Amino acid sequence: MQLEPHFLFNTLNAITTLVELDRKQDGLDVLAHLNTILKTGLQGTVPRRIPLGPELAIVESYLAIERVRFADRLRIDINVDPSVLDGLVPCFLLQPS
């Protein structure tokens, strides 16, 4: 997985704006989502396959950040049968761009 610098800069800008607008909790939420993405992407070793559940968590963190940035202009619908969340998939199979 490679983190796009543009995404990182936009996210940091969004956090700064939220803090300046006194929306501290929203800024903290975005930081938590960014933390999830960075922890996974910057691990020294990446497993070949991981359960679908954690893979979706990375995507959901990415989308949560984008929701803050784009508000009503972004609509997301993820439908996953809970019985497949433990199934193994290649790591970083789902990569938002």
Protein backbone atom coordinates (compact mmCIF):
# COMPACT_ATOMS: atom_id res chain seq x y z
CA MET A 1 0.00 0.00 0.00
CA GLN A 2 1.24 3.42 -0.85
CA LEU A 3 -0.27 6.48 0.74
CA GLU A 4 -0.83 9.27 -1.74
CA PRO A 5 0.88 12.47 -0.50
CA HIS A 6 -2.09 14.47 -1.83
CA PHE A 7 -4.45 12.52 0.44
CA LEU A 8 -2.16 13.04 3.44
CA PHE A 9 -1.82 16.78 2.86
CA ASN A 10 -5.58 17.20 2.34
CA THR A 11 -6.26 15.26 5.53
CA LEU A 12 -3.84 17.35 7.57
CA ASN A 13 -5.38 20.49 6.09
CA ALA A 14 -8.85 19.26 7.05
CA ILE A 15 -7.71 18.63 10.63
CA THR A 16 -6.22 22.12 10.84
CA THR A 17 -9.44 23.65 9.54
CA LEU A 18 -11.58 21.66 11.98
CA VAL A 19 -9.45 22.83 14.91
CA GLU A 20 -9.59 26.45 13.70
CA LEU A 21 -13.38 26.18 13.45
CA ASP A 22 -13.46 24.90 17.05
CA ARG A 23 -14.62 21.45 15.88
CA LYS A 24 -12.05 19.74 18.06
CA GLN A 25 -13.90 16.40 18.34
CA ASP A 26 -14.24 16.14 14.55
CA GLY A 27 -10.51 16.86 14.25
CA LEU A 28 -9.74 14.15 16.80
CA ASP A 29 -11.96 11.70 14.91
CA VAL A 30 -10.13 12.40 11.66
CA LEU A 31 -6.79 11.95 13.45
CA ALA A 32 -7.96 8.57 14.78
CA HIS A 33 -8.92 7.44 11.26
CA LEU A 34 -5.61 8.66 9.87
CA ASN A 35 -3.86 6.76 12.65
CA THR A 36 -5.62 3.53 11.58
CA ILE A 37 -4.51 4.01 7.99
CA LEU A 38 -0.92 4.91 8.88
CA LYS A 39 -0.46 2.10 11.41
CA THR A 40 -1.43 -0.45 8.83
CA GLY A 41 0.42 1.07 5.92
CA LEU A 42 3.66 1.70 7.77
CA GLN A 43 4.10 -1.71 9.37
CA GLY A 44 7.52 -3.21 8.78
CA THR A 45 6.08 -6.43 7.44
CA VAL A 46 2.77 -6.81 5.71
CA PRO A 47 1.05 -10.20 5.84
CA ARG A 48 0.21 -11.78 2.50
CA ARG A 49 -3.39 -12.36 3.52
CA ILE A 50 -5.59 -10.90 6.24
CA PRO A 51 -9.25 -11.29 7.23
CA LEU A 52 -11.66 -9.16 5.22
CA GLY A 53 -12.88 -7.41 8.40
CA PRO A 54 -9.59 -5.58 9.13
CA GLU A 55 -9.17 -4.87 5.42
CA LEU A 56 -12.57 -3.15 5.41
CA ALA A 57 -11.62 -1.18 8.56
CA ILE A 58 -8.81 0.51 6.62
CA VAL A 59 -11.19 1.43 3.80
CA GLU A 60 -13.81 2.65 6.26
CA SER A 61 -11.25 4.92 7.95
CA TYR A 62 -10.32 6.35 4.57
CA LEU A 63 -13.98 6.93 3.73
CA ALA A 64 -14.67 8.53 7.13
CA ILE A 65 -11.97 11.10 6.40
CA GLU A 66 -13.41 11.75 2.96
CA ARG A 67 -16.90 12.17 4.48
CA VAL A 68 -15.57 15.01 6.63
CA ARG A 69 -13.99 16.64 3.60
CA PHE A 70 -16.88 16.20 1.16
CA ALA A 71 -19.89 16.12 3.52
CA ASP A 72 -23.17 15.78 1.60
CA ARG A 73 -21.42 15.35 -1.75
CA LEU A 74 -20.22 11.85 -0.84
CA ARG A 75 -22.54 8.89 -0.47
CA ILE A 76 -21.26 5.48 0.50
CA ASP A 77 -23.03 2.15 0.75
CA ILE A 78 -21.06 -0.91 1.85
CA ASN A 79 -22.97 -4.17 1.99
CA VAL A 80 -20.98 -7.13 3.27
CA ASP A 81 -22.38 -10.40 4.52
CA PRO A 82 -21.02 -10.81 8.07
CA SER A 83 -20.23 -14.46 7.37
CA VAL A 84 -17.39 -13.47 5.01
CA LEU A 85 -15.56 -11.07 7.37
CA ASP A 86 -13.22 -13.80 8.62
CA GLY A 87 -12.34 -14.92 5.09
CA LEU A 88 -8.74 -14.25 4.07
CA VAL A 89 -8.00 -11.79 1.28
CA PRO A 90 -4.70 -10.39 -0.06
CA CYS A 91 -3.52 -7.56 2.14
CA PHE A 92 -4.46 -4.14 0.72
CA LEU A 93 -6.78 -5.75 -1.80
CA LEU A 94 -9.19 -2.83 -1.32
CA GLN A 95 -7.34 0.36 -2.14
CA PRO A 96 -9.28 3.60 -2.45
CA SER A 97 -7.83 6.01 -4.95
